[in-house]
Amino acid sequence: MSSTEIASHRGGAFLWPENSLLAFRSALTWAAEQVEFDVHASLDGEPVVIHDATLDRTTDAVGPVAALDWSALKRVRLRGTGGDHVPHLSEVAALVGPTAQRLRLEIKADVIGRPYSGLVQRCAAVLDGMGVRGRTVLMSFEAATVAEASDLGGFEQRVFLAETRPMRAMRPADAIALCRSCGATELGVHEGIADAVLRDALRAAGLRLSVWGANHAESIRRALALGVDVIATDDPPLAIDLRRGVVPAA
């Protein structure tokens, strides 16, 4: 069996409404190792679980997440769930905490791309209250956010997520330097960027490699063959079956 871990991306976005408690409950029934989700800050600084900086795409409300306080966001409903509200980080941690799976938490930036002030510390406090900071992989596309998490310490891994276009222009040594600069222990890239040269360079530097965007059989097989450390996928059951060799090659 491959040693590559599987993370249910947004709870398994191909199968359930993304970043919903419905999706997370389902994800915990699969033989994946991690549950992946995204966090923004409410107006009053609470960590709320939603991918976009605005409510428009996935909820029955509109406007920036950060325009509403937590008491108002609790009344916002996620489309396709039959009434689920936008979750708080504590609710996701309460679901994952008693299981063998771990949290894979991506801290997002606000609607104009700025890191939320105090959000890393607030996430850490919530995770500590649930006893799961040490079982949480913290990720961000913002190096400053990863650096803040590195300064706080206590997370299982710290992942710098590299945007695809800049990553195409980087040498592995450049990517390693970026990870070093913010204290990342893992580099996350789109699956189409990952290759053996990058993998080997990262491992020689003591760093891990993870991918997202591996959502169909071909890309999942490629990531498994490459032996990346983690695949974040929208179709966890397919990835699990491919890892077990249940789904034959085309």
Protein backbone atom coordinates (compact mmCIF):
# COMPACT_ATOMS: atom_id res chain seq x y z
CA MET A 1 0.00 0.00 0.00
CA SER A 2 1.17 3.53 -0.80
CA SER A 3 2.34 5.61 2.16
CA THR A 4 0.67 8.67 0.62
CA GLU A 5 -2.00 10.11 2.89
CA ILE A 6 -5.37 11.21 1.56
CA ALA A 7 -7.14 14.37 2.68
CA SER A 8 -10.82 14.95 1.95
CA HIS A 9 -10.63 18.34 0.20
CA ARG A 10 -13.31 20.65 1.62
CA GLY A 11 -14.81 17.48 3.06
CA GLY A 12 -15.09 15.83 -0.38
CA ALA A 13 -16.45 18.56 -2.65
CA PHE A 14 -17.41 16.20 -5.50
CA LEU A 15 -19.78 14.34 -3.22
CA TRP A 16 -21.18 16.79 -0.66
CA PRO A 17 -21.62 20.57 -0.35
CA GLU A 18 -18.13 21.82 0.36
CA ASN A 19 -16.99 22.84 3.84
CA SER A 20 -20.27 21.74 5.42
CA LEU A 21 -20.82 19.71 8.57
CA LEU A 22 -22.68 17.29 6.30
CA ALA A 23 -19.53 16.82 4.22
CA PHE A 24 -17.25 16.48 7.24
CA ARG A 25 -19.46 13.85 8.89
CA SER A 26 -19.37 11.85 5.66
CA ALA A 27 -15.61 12.33 5.21
CA LEU A 28 -15.03 10.78 8.62
CA THR A 29 -16.63 7.54 7.43
CA TRP A 30 -13.96 7.10 4.74
CA ALA A 31 -10.52 5.60 5.24
CA ALA A 32 -8.73 8.90 4.65
CA GLU A 33 -6.17 10.32 7.06
CA GLN A 34 -7.04 14.02 7.00
CA VAL A 35 -10.05 16.31 6.62
CA GLU A 36 -9.20 19.47 4.69
CA PHE A 37 -11.09 22.76 5.08
CA ASP A 38 -10.71 26.53 4.87
CA VAL A 39 -11.05 29.28 7.47
CA HIS A 40 -11.90 32.98 7.21
CA ALA A 41 -12.47 35.47 10.04
CA SER A 42 -15.87 36.89 10.96
CA LEU A 43 -16.33 40.57 11.79
CA ASP A 44 -15.65 39.76 15.45
CA GLY A 45 -12.61 37.62 14.65
CA GLU A 46 -14.14 34.16 14.96
CA PRO A 47 -12.69 31.42 12.70
CA VAL A 48 -15.45 30.33 10.33
CA VAL A 49 -15.17 27.47 7.86
CA ILE A 50 -15.79 28.55 4.27
CA HIS A 51 -13.61 28.62 1.15
CA ASP A 52 -14.39 31.99 -0.43
CA ALA A 53 -13.89 35.39 1.15
CA THR A 54 -17.50 36.14 0.18
CA LEU A 55 -20.71 34.29 0.96
CA ASP A 56 -22.18 34.53 -2.55
CA ARG A 57 -21.20 31.21 -4.15
CA THR A 58 -22.00 28.67 -1.43
CA THR A 59 -24.61 30.25 0.85
CA ASP A 60 -27.99 31.96 0.85
CA ALA A 61 -26.33 35.30 1.71
CA VAL A 62 -24.06 37.73 -0.13
CA GLY A 63 -21.11 39.95 0.70
CA PRO A 64 -17.81 39.44 2.50
CA VAL A 65 -17.59 36.86 5.28
CA ALA A 66 -15.82 39.47 7.39
CA ALA A 67 -18.79 41.85 7.15
CA LEU A 68 -20.86 39.72 9.54
CA ASP A 69 -20.20 38.73 13.12
CA TRP A 70 -20.46 35.12 14.23
CA SER A 71 -24.00 35.49 15.58
CA ALA A 72 -25.14 36.62 12.12
CA LEU A 73 -23.10 33.99 10.26
CA LYS A 74 -24.77 31.25 12.32
CA ARG A 75 -28.00 32.21 10.55
CA VAL A 76 -26.44 31.86 7.07
CA ARG A 77 -27.32 28.56 5.38
CA LEU A 78 -25.12 26.54 3.04
CA ARG A 79 -26.71 25.64 -0.26
CA GLY A 80 -27.57 22.00 -0.81
CA THR A 81 -27.28 20.92 2.82
CA GLY A 82 -30.90 21.07 3.87
CA GLY A 83 -30.20 23.79 6.40
CA ASP A 84 -26.58 23.51 7.63
CA HIS A 85 -25.12 26.81 8.79
CA VAL A 86 -21.61 28.03 8.03
CA PRO A 87 -19.50 26.07 10.57
CA HIS A 88 -17.26 27.46 13.25
CA LEU A 89 -13.79 25.94 13.55
CA SER A 90 -14.75 24.53 16.94
CA GLU A 91 -17.58 22.52 15.36
CA VAL A 92 -15.25 20.90 12.84
CA ALA A 93 -12.67 20.20 15.53
CA ALA A 94 -15.36 18.60 17.68
CA LEU A 95 -16.25 16.23 14.83
CA VAL A 96 -12.68 15.29 13.88
CA GLY A 97 -11.18 15.29 17.38
CA PRO A 98 -12.52 11.93 18.60
CA THR A 99 -11.52 10.14 15.37
CA ALA A 100 -8.22 8.84 14.01
CA GLN A 101 -8.23 11.50 11.29
CA ARG A 102 -6.46 14.85 11.56
CA LEU A 103 -7.39 18.40 10.64
CA ARG A 104 -5.91 20.02 7.54
CA LEU A 105 -6.69 23.69 8.03
CA GLU A 106 -6.05 26.31 5.37
CA ILE A 107 -6.11 29.88 6.66
CA LYS A 108 -7.37 32.18 3.94
CA ALA A 109 -6.87 35.88 3.23
CA ASP A 110 -9.61 38.50 3.18
CA VAL A 111 -11.56 39.74 0.18
CA ILE A 112 -8.65 41.91 -1.04
CA GLY A 113 -5.97 39.33 -0.30
CA ARG A 114 -4.72 40.53 3.10
CA PRO A 115 -4.10 38.14 6.00
CA TYR A 116 -6.66 38.51 8.76
CA SER A 117 -5.17 40.12 11.84
CA GLY A 118 -5.16 37.72 14.79
CA LEU A 119 -6.72 34.79 12.94
CA VAL A 120 -3.78 32.41 13.40
CA GLN A 121 -3.78 33.01 17.15
CA ARG A 122 -7.56 32.64 17.36
CA CYS A 123 -7.42 29.33 15.44
CA ALA A 124 -4.68 28.10 17.75
CA ALA A 125 -6.74 29.02 20.82
CA VAL A 126 -9.79 27.15 19.50
CA LEU A 127 -7.71 24.10 18.61
CA ASP A 128 -6.05 24.15 22.02
CA GLY A 129 -9.46 24.28 23.66
CA MET A 130 -10.38 21.10 21.78
CA GLY A 131 -6.97 19.48 22.40
CA VAL A 132 -6.14 19.09 18.70
CA ARG A 133 -3.47 21.66 17.78
CA GLY A 134 -0.88 18.88 17.62
CA ARG A 135 -3.11 16.99 15.18
CA THR A 136 -3.62 19.96 12.89
CA VAL A 137 -1.78 20.62 9.63
CA LEU A 138 -1.87 24.39 9.10
CA MET A 139 -1.63 25.74 5.56
CA SER A 140 -1.67 29.07 3.77
CA PHE A 141 -0.80 30.72 0.47
CA GLU A 142 0.44 33.69 2.53
CA ALA A 143 4.01 33.23 3.75
CA ALA A 144 3.36 35.67 6.61
CA THR A 145 0.57 33.43 7.90
CA VAL A 146 2.79 30.35 7.79
CA ALA A 147 5.54 32.29 9.55
CA GLU A 148 3.12 33.33 12.28
CA ALA A 149 2.09 29.71 12.78
CA SER A 150 5.76 28.71 12.90
CA ASP A 151 6.41 31.29 15.62
CA LEU A 152 3.45 29.98 17.63
CA GLY A 153 4.51 26.35 17.20
CA GLY A 154 2.58 23.25 18.17
CA PHE A 155 1.09 22.38 14.78
CA GLU A 156 1.72 18.94 13.28
CA GLN A 157 2.92 20.45 9.99
CA ARG A 158 3.09 23.91 8.49
CA VAL A 159 2.43 24.04 4.75
CA PHE A 160 3.30 26.84 2.36
CA LEU A 161 0.91 26.61 -0.59
CA ALA A 162 2.51 27.81 -3.81
CA GLU A 163 0.43 29.42 -6.53
CA THR A 164 0.80 27.64 -9.87
CA ARG A 165 2.06 30.48 -12.07
CA PRO A 166 4.88 31.63 -9.76
CA MET A 167 5.76 28.01 -9.04
CA ARG A 168 6.35 27.31 -12.73
CA ALA A 169 9.10 29.93 -12.72
CA MET A 170 10.84 28.58 -9.62
CA ARG A 171 13.70 26.16 -9.30
CA PRO A 172 13.35 23.61 -6.51
CA ALA A 173 16.01 25.56 -4.62
CA ASP A 174 13.81 28.66 -4.76
CA ALA A 175 10.84 26.75 -3.38
CA ILE A 176 12.99 25.35 -0.59
CA ALA A 177 14.22 28.85 0.27
CA LEU A 178 10.62 30.08 0.46
CA CYS A 179 9.72 27.26 2.83
CA ARG A 180 12.76 27.97 4.96
CA SER A 181 11.95 31.69 5.11
CA CYS A 182 8.51 31.12 6.65
CA GLY A 183 9.23 27.97 8.65
CA ALA A 184 7.16 25.65 6.47
CA THR A 185 7.75 21.93 6.87
CA GLU A 186 5.85 21.06 3.70
CA LEU A 187 5.29 22.55 0.25
CA GLY A 188 1.84 22.23 -1.30
CA VAL A 189 1.44 22.58 -5.08
CA HIS A 190 -1.11 21.78 -7.77
CA GLU A 191 -0.70 18.17 -8.83
CA GLY A 192 0.32 19.23 -12.35
CA ILE A 193 3.38 21.00 -10.92
CA ALA A 194 4.69 18.12 -8.82
CA ASP A 195 7.45 15.99 -10.33
CA ALA A 196 10.28 13.74 -9.21
CA VAL A 197 12.87 16.54 -9.33
CA LEU A 198 10.88 18.72 -6.94
CA ARG A 199 10.04 15.76 -4.71
CA ASP A 200 13.64 14.65 -4.41
CA ALA A 201 14.95 18.16 -3.76
CA LEU A 202 12.39 18.74 -1.02
CA ARG A 203 13.10 15.42 0.65
CA ALA A 204 16.85 16.05 0.54
CA ALA A 205 16.11 19.29 2.38
CA GLY A 206 13.97 17.49 4.96
CA LEU A 207 10.70 18.89 3.59
CA ARG A 208 7.44 17.22 2.58
CA LEU A 209 5.45 17.53 -0.66
CA SER A 210 1.68 17.61 -0.95
CA VAL A 211 -0.67 18.23 -3.86
CA TRP A 212 -4.17 19.45 -4.49
CA GLY A 213 -6.22 19.22 -7.68
CA ALA A 214 -5.86 15.43 -8.00
CA ASN A 215 -9.56 14.78 -8.45
CA HIS A 216 -9.82 12.15 -11.19
CA ALA A 217 -8.29 8.72 -11.68
CA GLU A 218 -5.44 9.84 -13.95
CA SER A 219 -4.21 12.66 -11.70
CA ILE A 220 -4.67 10.62 -8.52
CA ARG A 221 -2.69 7.71 -10.01
CA ARG A 222 0.06 10.11 -11.04
CA ALA A 223 0.31 11.58 -7.53
CA LEU A 224 0.31 8.12 -5.95
CA ALA A 225 3.05 6.94 -8.33
CA LEU A 226 5.09 10.01 -7.47
CA GLY A 227 4.78 9.13 -3.79
CA VAL A 228 3.78 12.57 -2.55
CA ASP A 229 3.14 12.82 1.16
CA VAL A 230 -0.48 13.97 0.92
CA ILE A 231 -3.14 14.18 -1.79
CA ALA A 232 -5.97 16.63 -1.10
CA THR A 233 -8.78 15.39 -3.33
CA ASP A 234 -12.43 16.23 -3.97
CA ASP A 235 -13.14 12.50 -4.44
CA PRO A 236 -11.69 10.73 -1.40
CA PRO A 237 -13.43 7.35 -1.98
CA LEU A 238 -11.90 7.13 -5.46
CA ALA A 239 -8.45 8.04 -4.13
CA ILE A 240 -8.77 5.47 -1.35
CA ASP A 241 -9.76 2.74 -3.80
CA LEU A 242 -6.92 3.67 -6.16
CA ARG A 243 -4.44 3.59 -3.30
CA ARG A 244 -5.68 0.12 -2.34
CA GLY A 245 -5.53 -1.01 -5.96
CA VAL A 246 -9.27 -1.71 -6.04
CA VAL A 247 -9.83 0.34 -9.20
CA PRO A 248 -7.94 -1.26 -12.11
CA ALA A 249 -5.79 0.81 -14.42
CA ALA A 250 -7.54 1.98 -17.60
